[in-house]
Amino acid sequence: MSPMSGPVAFKASCPDCRARFELDAGALRLAIGGSRRATFYSFTCPECGASVRKPAGERIVELLTGGGVSTLRSI
């Protein structure tokens, strides 16, 4: 790790209000299912309060788990 490392911030956007923002790992949830359709991440938009759910491919899963996002695994 570099000496400048600290909490990880993830860039995100809301499809409802179109706001762009950064979220820390505690604001995101990752669900890993048995298929691509069942693997997604979710968060609540800090601007409008909408519940947002987006698909998570392999690379997104790597980034989120590496950044400390809590993960729920389903069968």
N, C-alpha and C. Protein backbone atom coordinates (compact mmCIF):
# COMPACT_ATOMS: atom_id res chain seq x y z
N MET A 1 0.84 -1.20 0.00
CA MET A 1 0.00 0.00 0.00
C MET A 1 0.87 1.25 0.00
N SER A 2 0.39 2.25 -0.63
CA SER A 2 1.13 3.50 -0.65
C SER A 2 0.85 4.28 0.63
N PRO A 3 1.74 5.17 1.02
CA PRO A 3 1.54 5.93 2.26
C PRO A 3 0.31 6.83 2.20
N MET A 4 -0.17 7.15 1.00
CA MET A 4 -1.33 8.03 0.86
C MET A 4 -2.65 7.28 0.94
N SER A 5 -2.59 5.94 1.04
CA SER A 5 -3.84 5.18 1.00
C SER A 5 -4.68 5.44 2.23
N GLY A 6 -5.97 5.48 2.01
CA GLY A 6 -6.93 5.71 3.08
C GLY A 6 -8.20 5.00 2.69
N PRO A 7 -9.32 5.48 3.17
CA PRO A 7 -10.59 4.86 2.80
C PRO A 7 -10.80 4.94 1.28
N VAL A 8 -11.34 3.88 0.73
CA VAL A 8 -11.60 3.82 -0.70
C VAL A 8 -12.93 4.51 -1.00
N ALA A 9 -12.96 5.32 -2.05
CA ALA A 9 -14.19 5.97 -2.49
C ALA A 9 -14.53 5.44 -3.88
N PHE A 10 -15.77 5.08 -4.07
CA PHE A 10 -16.23 4.55 -5.35
C PHE A 10 -17.08 5.60 -6.06
N LYS A 11 -16.79 5.86 -7.33
CA LYS A 11 -17.60 6.80 -8.11
C LYS A 11 -18.88 6.09 -8.52
N ALA A 12 -19.99 6.80 -8.40
CA ALA A 12 -21.28 6.22 -8.77
C ALA A 12 -22.17 7.33 -9.31
N SER A 13 -23.26 6.92 -9.93
CA SER A 13 -24.24 7.89 -10.42
C SER A 13 -25.64 7.31 -10.26
N CYS A 14 -26.59 8.20 -10.18
CA CYS A 14 -27.98 7.81 -10.00
C CYS A 14 -28.72 7.88 -11.33
N PRO A 15 -29.37 6.79 -11.75
CA PRO A 15 -30.11 6.84 -13.00
C PRO A 15 -31.39 7.68 -12.90
N ASP A 16 -31.87 7.91 -11.69
CA ASP A 16 -33.10 8.69 -11.50
C ASP A 16 -32.85 10.20 -11.60
N CYS A 17 -31.97 10.72 -10.73
CA CYS A 17 -31.74 12.17 -10.72
C CYS A 17 -30.48 12.58 -11.49
N ARG A 18 -29.72 11.59 -11.98
CA ARG A 18 -28.50 11.81 -12.76
C ARG A 18 -27.34 12.44 -11.97
N ALA A 19 -27.44 12.47 -10.67
CA ALA A 19 -26.35 13.01 -9.85
C ALA A 19 -25.14 12.07 -9.92
N ARG A 20 -23.96 12.65 -9.81
CA ARG A 20 -22.70 11.88 -9.74
C ARG A 20 -22.07 12.17 -8.39
N PHE A 21 -21.53 11.15 -7.76
CA PHE A 21 -21.00 11.30 -6.41
C PHE A 21 -20.03 10.18 -6.10
N GLU A 22 -19.40 10.25 -4.94
CA GLU A 22 -18.52 9.19 -4.46
C GLU A 22 -19.13 8.60 -3.21
N LEU A 23 -19.01 7.28 -3.08
CA LEU A 23 -19.54 6.56 -1.92
C LEU A 23 -18.41 5.77 -1.28
N ASP A 24 -18.45 5.65 0.05
CA ASP A 24 -17.46 4.79 0.69
C ASP A 24 -18.01 3.36 0.72
N ALA A 25 -17.15 2.42 1.09
CA ALA A 25 -17.51 1.00 1.05
C ALA A 25 -18.76 0.70 1.88
N GLY A 26 -18.96 1.41 2.97
CA GLY A 26 -20.11 1.15 3.83
C GLY A 26 -21.45 1.54 3.22
N ALA A 27 -21.42 2.34 2.16
CA ALA A 27 -22.66 2.79 1.52
C ALA A 27 -23.10 1.85 0.40
N LEU A 28 -22.26 0.88 0.06
CA LEU A 28 -22.55 -0.05 -1.03
C LEU A 28 -22.79 -1.45 -0.51
N ARG A 29 -23.62 -2.20 -1.23
CA ARG A 29 -23.85 -3.61 -0.92
C ARG A 29 -23.65 -4.39 -2.21
N LEU A 30 -23.00 -5.54 -2.09
CA LEU A 30 -22.72 -6.38 -3.25
C LEU A 30 -23.37 -7.73 -3.03
N ALA A 31 -24.15 -8.19 -4.01
CA ALA A 31 -24.78 -9.51 -3.95
C ALA A 31 -24.20 -10.35 -5.09
N ILE A 32 -23.64 -11.49 -4.73
CA ILE A 32 -23.07 -12.39 -5.73
C ILE A 32 -23.95 -13.62 -5.82
N GLY A 33 -24.57 -13.78 -6.97
CA GLY A 33 -25.48 -14.90 -7.18
C GLY A 33 -24.87 -15.97 -8.06
N GLY A 34 -25.67 -16.95 -8.41
CA GLY A 34 -25.20 -18.06 -9.21
C GLY A 34 -25.14 -17.75 -10.69
N SER A 35 -25.57 -16.56 -11.09
CA SER A 35 -25.53 -16.18 -12.49
C SER A 35 -25.19 -14.70 -12.61
N ARG A 36 -24.93 -14.25 -13.83
CA ARG A 36 -24.64 -12.83 -14.03
C ARG A 36 -25.83 -11.96 -13.63
N ARG A 37 -27.03 -12.44 -13.93
CA ARG A 37 -28.22 -11.66 -13.60
C ARG A 37 -28.41 -11.50 -12.10
N ALA A 38 -27.92 -12.47 -11.34
CA ALA A 38 -28.11 -12.44 -9.89
C ALA A 38 -26.94 -11.77 -9.17
N THR A 39 -25.99 -11.22 -9.91
CA THR A 39 -24.85 -10.54 -9.30
C THR A 39 -24.99 -9.04 -9.57
N PHE A 40 -25.08 -8.27 -8.48
CA PHE A 40 -25.31 -6.84 -8.62
C PHE A 40 -24.80 -6.10 -7.39
N TYR A 41 -24.69 -4.79 -7.51
CA TYR A 41 -24.41 -3.96 -6.34
C TYR A 41 -25.52 -2.95 -6.22
N SER A 42 -25.71 -2.47 -4.99
CA SER A 42 -26.79 -1.52 -4.76
C SER A 42 -26.36 -0.46 -3.75
N PHE A 43 -27.06 0.66 -3.82
CA PHE A 43 -26.82 1.76 -2.90
C PHE A 43 -28.03 2.68 -2.92
N THR A 44 -28.08 3.58 -1.97
CA THR A 44 -29.13 4.60 -1.94
C THR A 44 -28.51 5.91 -2.39
N CYS A 45 -29.14 6.58 -3.34
CA CYS A 45 -28.62 7.84 -3.85
C CYS A 45 -28.63 8.89 -2.74
N PRO A 46 -27.49 9.50 -2.46
CA PRO A 46 -27.43 10.52 -1.40
C PRO A 46 -28.15 11.82 -1.80
N GLU A 47 -28.44 12.00 -3.07
CA GLU A 47 -29.10 13.21 -3.54
C GLU A 47 -30.62 13.11 -3.48
N CYS A 48 -31.18 12.03 -4.06
CA CYS A 48 -32.64 11.93 -4.15
C CYS A 48 -33.23 10.80 -3.31
N GLY A 49 -32.39 9.94 -2.74
CA GLY A 49 -32.88 8.85 -1.88
C GLY A 49 -33.36 7.62 -2.63
N ALA A 50 -33.17 7.57 -3.95
CA ALA A 50 -33.61 6.41 -4.72
C ALA A 50 -32.75 5.19 -4.40
N SER A 51 -33.37 4.02 -4.41
CA SER A 51 -32.63 2.77 -4.29
C SER A 51 -32.12 2.41 -5.68
N VAL A 52 -30.81 2.25 -5.79
CA VAL A 52 -30.20 1.98 -7.09
C VAL A 52 -29.60 0.59 -7.07
N ARG A 53 -29.84 -0.17 -8.14
CA ARG A 53 -29.30 -1.52 -8.27
C ARG A 53 -28.70 -1.62 -9.66
N LYS A 54 -27.41 -2.01 -9.72
CA LYS A 54 -26.72 -2.09 -11.00
C LYS A 54 -26.03 -3.45 -11.12
N PRO A 55 -25.94 -3.98 -12.34
CA PRO A 55 -25.25 -5.26 -12.53
C PRO A 55 -23.77 -5.14 -12.20
N ALA A 56 -23.20 -6.22 -11.68
CA ALA A 56 -21.78 -6.23 -11.33
C ALA A 56 -21.08 -7.36 -12.08
N GLY A 57 -20.27 -6.98 -13.05
CA GLY A 57 -19.46 -7.97 -13.75
C GLY A 57 -18.25 -8.36 -12.91
N GLU A 58 -17.45 -9.22 -13.46
CA GLU A 58 -16.29 -9.74 -12.74
C GLU A 58 -15.37 -8.64 -12.22
N ARG A 59 -15.07 -7.66 -13.05
CA ARG A 59 -14.16 -6.58 -12.66
C ARG A 59 -14.75 -5.73 -11.54
N ILE A 60 -16.04 -5.42 -11.62
CA ILE A 60 -16.70 -4.64 -10.57
C ILE A 60 -16.67 -5.41 -9.25
N VAL A 61 -16.94 -6.71 -9.32
CA VAL A 61 -16.90 -7.54 -8.10
C VAL A 61 -15.51 -7.48 -7.48
N GLU A 62 -14.46 -7.59 -8.30
CA GLU A 62 -13.08 -7.50 -7.80
C GLU A 62 -12.82 -6.17 -7.12
N LEU A 63 -13.21 -5.09 -7.77
CA LEU A 63 -12.97 -3.75 -7.21
C LEU A 63 -13.72 -3.55 -5.89
N LEU A 64 -14.99 -3.95 -5.86
CA LEU A 64 -15.80 -3.73 -4.66
C LEU A 64 -15.33 -4.59 -3.49
N THR A 65 -15.05 -5.87 -3.74
CA THR A 65 -14.59 -6.72 -2.64
C THR A 65 -13.21 -6.28 -2.16
N GLY A 66 -12.34 -5.87 -3.10
CA GLY A 66 -11.02 -5.37 -2.73
C GLY A 66 -11.08 -4.08 -1.94
N GLY A 67 -12.16 -3.31 -2.14
CA GLY A 67 -12.32 -2.04 -1.44
C GLY A 67 -13.08 -2.16 -0.14
N GLY A 68 -13.43 -3.39 0.25
CA GLY A 68 -14.06 -3.59 1.55
C GLY A 68 -15.58 -3.53 1.57
N VAL A 69 -16.22 -3.60 0.40
CA VAL A 69 -17.69 -3.59 0.36
C VAL A 69 -18.21 -4.92 0.90
N SER A 70 -19.21 -4.86 1.79
CA SER A 70 -19.76 -6.10 2.33
C SER A 70 -20.48 -6.87 1.24
N THR A 71 -20.30 -8.18 1.27
CA THR A 71 -20.78 -9.05 0.21
C THR A 71 -21.76 -10.09 0.74
N LEU A 72 -22.84 -10.27 0.01
CA LEU A 72 -23.82 -11.30 0.31
C LEU A 72 -23.74 -12.30 -0.82
N ARG A 73 -23.55 -13.56 -0.49
CA ARG A 73 -23.50 -14.60 -1.52
C ARG A 73 -24.79 -15.41 -1.47
N SER A 74 -25.38 -15.60 -2.63
CA SER A 74 -26.59 -16.43 -2.69
C SER A 74 -26.32 -17.61 -3.61
N ILE A 75 -27.11 -18.63 -3.47
CA ILE A 75 -26.90 -19.86 -4.25
C ILE A 75 -27.77 -19.83 -5.49
